[in-house]
Each structure stands twice: as structure tokens, then as C-alpha cells.
Amino acid sequence: MPDFVANGGGVVAAGKSMFYRYSCDRLDSAEVYASAKSKVRDNLTLVLNEAKLRNRLPIDVALDIAKERVRRAMELRGRISKRA
């Protein structure tokens, strides 16, 4: 499994922590863990299923997915023009 997919839980946890940094609500570590675990599991499943389906290496599939997600986020924010 590509390291950037497996280690994505740290990014999820950091994002949740940043959200709660300026909130009056308390950070629930169990909620953060559950959210990170769920997102990592979903991404691992997606990558492995797509790799098997496409008969490609997980790293190649993971990079394709990551690039598409970044492109979509940039399009939504108006940073790049949308594909036709």
C-alpha cells in the first residue's frame, strides 16, 4: 500500500484538530480516531479494488486518484478551469 494512503490518517486527525482549534466545542479524541480510521479504510479499499480491477499497481492507482481529487478541488475553488 502506498505510504501516502496508509498515512492519511495523520492528515485527517490534523484537519480535525485545526477545526476544533477555534471552536468552543471540545475535541473528542475517540471521534477523531474513528474518523481517521474510517477514511483510511475507505481509501485503502478503493485503491486495492481499483488496482485489481484495472490490473495495475496500487501506487499507480493511488496517484491517479490523488491527482483527480486535487484537480477537482482546484476546479471547485476556481484555481484552474474545469475540464470539458
Protein backbone atom coordinates (compact mmCIF):
# COMPACT_ATOMS: atom_id res chain seq x y z
CA MET A 1 0.00 0.00 0.00
CA PRO A 2 1.35 3.44 -0.88
CA ASP A 3 2.59 5.24 2.20
CA PHE A 4 0.69 8.44 1.47
CA VAL A 5 -2.58 6.49 1.53
CA ALA A 6 -1.78 4.48 4.65
CA ASN A 7 -0.53 7.58 6.50
CA GLY A 8 -3.52 9.69 5.51
CA GLY A 9 -4.98 9.26 8.97
CA GLY A 10 -2.50 11.78 10.30
CA VAL A 11 -3.75 14.38 7.85
CA VAL A 12 -7.36 13.66 8.82
CA ALA A 13 -6.51 13.99 12.52
CA ALA A 14 -4.60 17.23 11.94
CA GLY A 15 -7.52 18.66 9.96
CA LYS A 16 -9.98 17.85 12.72
CA SER A 17 -7.62 19.35 15.30
CA MET A 18 -7.34 22.57 13.28
CA PHE A 19 -11.13 22.78 13.03
CA TYR A 20 -11.52 22.48 16.80
CA ARG A 21 -8.68 24.91 17.48
CA TYR A 22 -11.01 27.89 17.03
CA SER A 23 -14.21 26.20 18.15
CA CYS A 24 -15.90 26.37 21.54
CA ASP A 25 -16.52 22.62 21.27
CA ARG A 26 -14.08 20.16 22.78
CA LEU A 27 -12.05 17.83 20.61
CA ASP A 28 -13.15 14.23 21.14
CA SER A 29 -10.14 12.02 20.51
CA ALA A 30 -12.35 8.95 20.01
CA GLU A 31 -14.25 10.79 17.27
CA VAL A 32 -11.00 11.89 15.61
CA TYR A 33 -9.66 8.33 15.70
CA ALA A 34 -12.90 6.87 14.33
CA SER A 35 -13.00 9.42 11.52
CA ALA A 36 -9.35 8.86 10.55
CA LYS A 37 -9.75 5.09 10.71
CA SER A 38 -12.85 5.18 8.54
CA LYS A 39 -11.31 7.44 5.90
CA VAL A 40 -8.08 5.43 5.71
CA ARG A 41 -10.04 2.17 5.46
CA ASP A 42 -12.26 3.57 2.71
CA ASN A 43 -9.27 4.86 0.74
CA LEU A 44 -7.33 1.61 1.13
CA THR A 45 -10.34 -0.37 -0.05
CA LEU A 46 -10.82 1.96 -3.02
CA VAL A 47 -7.18 1.75 -4.07
CA LEU A 48 -6.94 -2.02 -3.73
CA ASN A 49 -10.23 -2.64 -5.54
CA GLU A 50 -9.32 -0.28 -8.38
CA ALA A 51 -5.83 -1.78 -8.68
CA LYS A 52 -7.30 -5.25 -9.01
CA LEU A 53 -9.99 -4.09 -11.42
CA ARG A 54 -7.52 -2.19 -13.64
CA ASN A 55 -4.73 -4.78 -13.22
CA ARG A 56 -2.37 -2.02 -12.09
CA LEU A 57 -0.11 -1.44 -9.12
CA PRO A 58 -1.73 0.20 -6.08
CA ILE A 59 0.79 3.07 -6.18
CA ASP A 60 -0.22 3.97 -9.74
CA VAL A 61 -3.93 3.83 -8.93
CA ALA A 62 -3.43 5.84 -5.72
CA LEU A 63 -1.54 8.55 -7.61
CA ASP A 64 -4.30 8.75 -10.25
CA ILE A 65 -6.96 9.09 -7.55
CA ALA A 66 -4.93 11.71 -5.66
CA LYS A 67 -4.32 13.78 -8.80
CA GLU A 68 -8.01 13.69 -9.73
CA ARG A 69 -9.05 14.74 -6.22
CA VAL A 70 -6.61 17.66 -6.22
CA ARG A 71 -7.75 18.70 -9.70
CA ARG A 72 -11.41 18.58 -8.62
CA ALA A 73 -10.68 20.64 -5.50
CA MET A 74 -8.78 23.24 -7.54
CA GLU A 75 -11.64 23.43 -10.05
CA LEU A 76 -14.18 23.95 -7.27
CA ARG A 77 -12.08 26.76 -5.86
CA GLY A 78 -11.66 28.40 -9.26
CA ARG A 79 -7.89 27.84 -9.31
CA ILE A 80 -7.98 26.06 -12.64
CA SER A 81 -10.57 25.86 -15.39
CA LYS A 82 -12.92 22.90 -15.48
CA ARG A 83 -12.34 20.11 -17.96
CA ALA A 84 -14.69 19.93 -20.89
